[in-house]
């Protein structure tokens, strides 16, 4: 599941830098396929509940 932060927490430790282009592309593809919190919630049960509004 993917969730975006507006503000980094004070104890945030950045991930190490990617050294190879292929490795960076692989990471980017994995991140692009991860569902957002909203998508994940909609996949749970019938899509009803807190934070699961209908798509615009």
Protein backbone atom coordinates (compact mmCIF):
# COMPACT_ATOMS: atom_id res chain seq x y z
CA UNK A 1 0.00 0.00 0.00
CA UNK A 2 1.23 3.49 -0.85
CA UNK A 3 0.59 6.59 1.19
CA UNK A 4 1.97 10.06 0.53
CA UNK A 5 3.13 12.37 3.31
CA UNK A 6 2.73 16.14 3.15
CA UNK A 7 5.35 16.65 5.88
CA UNK A 8 8.23 14.36 6.76
CA UNK A 9 8.28 13.23 10.39
CA UNK A 10 11.19 14.45 12.52
CA UNK A 11 12.61 10.92 12.77
CA UNK A 12 12.49 10.24 9.01
CA UNK A 13 15.55 8.39 7.71
CA UNK A 14 15.94 8.56 3.92
CA UNK A 15 16.39 5.34 1.98
CA UNK A 16 19.85 4.73 0.55
CA UNK A 17 20.45 6.03 -2.98
CA UNK A 18 20.03 3.63 -5.86
CA UNK A 19 23.29 3.08 -7.72
CA UNK A 20 22.20 1.32 -10.92
CA UNK A 21 19.66 2.65 -13.43
CA UNK A 22 18.05 -0.80 -13.76
CA UNK A 23 17.61 -1.00 -10.01
CA UNK A 24 16.00 2.45 -9.96
CA UNK A 25 13.61 1.49 -12.76
CA UNK A 26 12.66 -1.70 -10.91
CA UNK A 27 11.93 0.28 -7.74
CA UNK A 28 9.87 2.82 -9.71
CA UNK A 29 7.78 0.05 -11.32
CA UNK A 30 7.09 -1.50 -7.92
CA UNK A 31 6.05 1.86 -6.46
CA UNK A 32 3.79 2.58 -9.43
CA UNK A 33 1.98 -0.74 -8.98
CA UNK A 34 1.38 -0.28 -5.24
CA UNK A 35 -2.26 0.64 -4.53
CA UNK A 36 -3.01 3.93 -2.77
CA UNK A 37 -4.67 3.84 0.65
CA UNK A 38 -8.00 4.70 -1.03
CA UNK A 39 -7.60 1.92 -3.63
CA UNK A 40 -6.66 -0.56 -0.91
CA UNK A 41 -9.70 0.39 1.19
CA UNK A 42 -12.00 0.06 -1.82
CA UNK A 43 -10.67 -3.45 -2.46
CA UNK A 44 -11.57 -4.50 1.09
CA UNK A 45 -15.08 -5.90 1.24
CA UNK A 46 -17.71 -3.98 -0.69
CA UNK A 47 -15.85 -0.64 -0.70
CA UNK A 48 -18.03 0.89 2.01
CA UNK A 49 -16.73 2.31 5.21
CA UNK A 50 -14.54 5.10 6.46
CA UNK A 51 -12.44 6.74 3.76
CA UNK A 52 -14.01 4.79 0.89
CA UNK A 53 -16.03 7.37 -1.02
CA UNK A 54 -17.16 6.79 -4.58
CA UNK A 55 -14.70 7.77 -7.29
CA UNK A 56 -15.38 11.19 -8.89
